[in-house]
Amino acid sequence: MRDDNIDFLPIQHVPGATESVIAWILETWGDSRDDGDSDFRQRIEGRSSNPEAMVAVLDKTPVGAVTFRRYDVPGGEQRALWIDALYVSIQHRRNGIGSKLIQTAESISALSEERLYAFTGIPKIYEAKGWSFYQGDSQSVNWIVVKFSANRHQLGRPSYSLSGKRLPLLIQL
């Protein structure tokens, strides 16, 4: 069942969302971050060189999020923007929320990035959205996929939804 009452908002516009997102990340991927809690919080809230995390909200409750981070790209390229975490709460999966969060990430990255990368164990969700294989093989558990934004004008202006209305998203990069 898809729910059209889901809003996609910058994390700082959702009270308590930072704590929810940090808890989801730690529960799902463990404490594998190489930065301290303060840096982690600043990165998620967009108070670093990364865009602010976006949160899917249903009835004022966070149900999913996408966070960003700059990492080196394998193969010697310079640092690039990556989807650091894509999470949808278990009870809200398979309703298109993850797809909309990926689309939001693509729009945000298209403002200033040539490419957006993701390290994923589920490449099919990205490939279905036009992402390309970058690195990995049939033996790999995780793959790197990339979305080229050569057609930036086709991705549209980044926006977020609030009660079904599309509003322009203003972000500082």
Protein backbone atom coordinates (compact mmCIF):
# COMPACT_ATOMS: atom_id res chain seq x y z
CA MET A 1 0.00 0.00 0.00
CA ARG A 2 1.55 3.27 -1.08
CA ASP A 3 0.91 6.25 1.14
CA ASP A 4 0.72 9.68 -0.48
CA ASN A 5 0.69 11.35 2.94
CA ILE A 6 4.44 10.95 3.32
CA ASP A 7 6.43 14.16 3.40
CA PHE A 8 10.12 14.38 2.44
CA LEU A 9 11.82 17.05 4.52
CA PRO A 10 15.30 18.24 5.46
CA ILE A 11 16.24 16.58 8.75
CA GLN A 12 16.43 19.82 10.71
CA HIS A 13 12.75 20.50 9.90
CA VAL A 14 11.69 17.31 11.71
CA PRO A 15 11.93 17.45 15.52
CA GLY A 16 13.71 14.38 16.90
CA ALA A 17 14.66 13.05 13.48
CA THR A 18 18.42 13.27 14.02
CA GLU A 19 18.20 10.87 16.96
CA SER A 20 15.97 8.48 14.98
CA VAL A 21 18.32 8.46 11.99
CA ILE A 22 21.41 7.90 14.16
CA ALA A 23 19.64 5.01 15.93
CA TRP A 24 18.62 3.43 12.60
CA ILE A 25 22.15 3.66 11.24
CA LEU A 26 23.71 2.19 14.38
CA GLU A 27 21.12 -0.63 14.55
CA THR A 28 21.51 -1.49 10.86
CA TRP A 29 25.21 -1.02 10.20
CA GLY A 30 26.73 -0.86 13.67
CA ASP A 31 29.21 1.63 15.02
CA SER A 32 31.42 1.52 11.92
CA ARG A 33 31.65 5.28 11.49
CA ASP A 34 35.14 6.71 11.60
CA ASP A 35 33.99 10.01 13.05
CA GLY A 36 32.83 10.89 16.54
CA ASP A 37 29.21 11.43 17.54
CA SER A 38 29.50 15.20 17.20
CA ASP A 39 30.92 14.99 13.66
CA PHE A 40 28.36 12.31 12.75
CA ARG A 41 25.51 14.54 13.94
CA GLN A 42 26.93 17.58 12.09
CA ARG A 43 27.25 15.57 8.87
CA ILE A 44 23.67 14.29 9.04
CA GLU A 45 22.33 17.76 9.79
CA GLY A 46 24.24 19.29 6.86
CA ARG A 47 26.56 21.33 9.06
CA SER A 48 29.61 20.05 7.20
CA SER A 49 30.58 19.83 3.53
CA ASN A 50 27.76 17.31 2.98
CA PRO A 51 24.15 18.06 2.08
CA GLU A 52 21.63 17.76 4.89
CA ALA A 53 19.96 14.36 5.30
CA MET A 54 16.41 14.06 4.00
CA VAL A 55 13.73 12.33 6.04
CA ALA A 56 10.50 10.61 5.00
CA VAL A 57 7.80 11.59 7.51
CA LEU A 58 4.37 10.03 8.07
CA ASP A 59 2.06 11.59 10.68
CA LYS A 60 4.97 13.62 12.11
CA THR A 61 7.00 10.43 12.58
CA PRO A 62 10.23 9.71 10.66
CA VAL A 63 9.87 6.48 8.64
CA GLY A 64 12.97 6.69 6.43
CA ALA A 65 16.01 8.77 5.56
CA VAL A 66 18.86 9.25 3.14
CA THR A 67 22.19 10.64 4.37
CA PHE A 68 25.22 11.86 2.45
CA ARG A 69 28.98 11.77 2.84
CA ARG A 70 32.00 12.63 0.75
CA TYR A 71 34.33 9.67 0.18
CA ASP A 72 37.19 8.91 -2.16
CA VAL A 73 36.15 7.05 -5.29
CA PRO A 74 38.02 3.79 -5.95
CA GLY A 75 40.36 4.17 -8.88
CA GLY A 76 42.02 7.39 -7.86
CA GLU A 77 39.32 9.94 -8.59
CA GLN A 78 38.88 12.80 -6.19
CA ARG A 79 36.35 12.81 -3.39
CA ALA A 80 32.75 12.55 -4.50
CA LEU A 81 29.31 12.66 -2.97
CA TRP A 82 27.93 9.30 -1.83
CA ILE A 83 24.65 8.14 -0.40
CA ASP A 84 26.00 7.21 3.01
CA ALA A 85 22.84 5.55 4.29
CA LEU A 86 19.43 4.79 2.81
CA TYR A 87 17.00 3.48 5.38
CA VAL A 88 13.26 2.82 5.51
CA SER A 89 11.66 1.42 8.66
CA ILE A 90 10.70 -2.23 8.28
CA GLN A 91 6.94 -1.65 8.52
CA HIS A 92 7.06 0.98 5.75
CA ARG A 93 9.19 -0.86 3.19
CA ARG A 94 7.97 -1.81 -0.28
CA ASN A 95 5.81 1.31 -0.50
CA GLY A 96 8.07 3.42 -2.72
CA ILE A 97 9.64 5.42 0.10
CA GLY A 98 13.18 4.22 -0.66
CA SER A 99 12.71 5.07 -4.33
CA LYS A 100 11.54 8.58 -3.48
CA LEU A 101 14.49 9.06 -1.12
CA ILE A 102 16.89 8.00 -3.91
CA GLN A 103 15.17 10.41 -6.30
CA THR A 104 15.54 13.19 -3.73
CA ALA A 105 19.25 12.37 -3.36
CA GLU A 106 19.69 12.50 -7.14
CA SER A 107 18.07 15.94 -7.33
CA ILE A 108 20.20 17.30 -4.50
CA SER A 109 23.43 15.99 -6.00
CA ALA A 110 22.58 17.32 -9.46
CA LEU A 111 22.98 20.87 -8.17
CA SER A 112 26.74 20.58 -7.83
CA GLU A 113 27.93 17.06 -8.54
CA GLU A 114 28.76 15.25 -11.74
CA ARG A 115 28.08 11.88 -10.15
CA LEU A 116 26.43 10.40 -7.09
CA TYR A 117 27.71 7.08 -5.75
CA ALA A 118 26.24 4.43 -3.47
CA PHE A 119 27.78 1.37 -1.82
CA THR A 120 24.97 -1.15 -1.64
CA GLY A 121 24.03 -4.75 -1.03
CA ILE A 122 20.86 -4.26 -3.09
CA PRO A 123 22.01 -2.86 -6.45
CA LYS A 124 18.74 -3.71 -8.21
CA ILE A 125 16.88 -0.87 -6.45
CA TYR A 126 19.40 1.58 -7.92
CA GLU A 127 19.69 -0.08 -11.34
CA ALA A 128 15.91 0.19 -11.72
CA LYS A 129 16.35 3.95 -11.43
CA GLY A 130 19.00 4.25 -14.12
CA TRP A 131 22.10 3.89 -11.97
CA SER A 132 25.10 2.11 -13.48
CA PHE A 133 27.34 -0.60 -12.10
CA TYR A 134 30.70 0.85 -11.04
CA GLN A 135 32.55 -1.82 -9.08
CA GLY A 136 31.95 -5.30 -7.71
CA ASP A 137 31.44 -8.77 -9.12
CA SER A 138 29.26 -11.83 -8.66
CA GLN A 139 31.35 -12.79 -5.63
CA SER A 140 30.85 -9.42 -3.94
CA VAL A 141 28.27 -8.90 -1.25
CA ASN A 142 28.27 -5.15 -1.82
CA TRP A 143 28.50 -3.26 -5.08
CA ILE A 144 29.26 0.34 -5.94
CA VAL A 145 26.75 1.96 -8.26
CA VAL A 146 26.87 5.43 -9.78
CA LYS A 147 24.32 7.87 -11.15
CA PHE A 148 25.62 10.31 -13.75
CA SER A 149 23.93 13.67 -13.75
CA ALA A 150 24.93 14.74 -17.24
CA ASN A 151 21.27 15.55 -17.83
CA ARG A 152 20.95 17.77 -14.78
CA HIS A 153 18.13 19.75 -16.33
CA GLN A 154 16.05 16.56 -16.63
CA LEU A 155 16.25 15.74 -12.92
CA GLY A 156 14.30 18.83 -11.97
CA ARG A 157 14.75 21.35 -9.23
CA PRO A 158 15.20 19.75 -5.82
CA SER A 159 12.08 20.02 -3.72
CA TYR A 160 10.41 18.44 -0.78
CA SER A 161 6.79 17.62 -0.13
CA LEU A 162 4.68 18.83 2.73
CA SER A 163 1.09 17.61 2.96
CA GLY A 164 1.11 16.68 -0.71
CA LYS A 165 2.42 20.07 -1.91
CA ARG A 166 5.81 20.26 -3.64
CA LEU A 167 7.99 23.03 -2.22
CA PRO A 168 11.41 24.15 -3.49
CA LEU A 169 14.31 22.81 -1.47
CA LEU A 170 16.94 25.35 -0.55
CA ILE A 171 20.20 23.74 0.45
CA GLN A 172 23.63 25.12 1.12
CA LEU A 173 26.49 23.17 -0.40
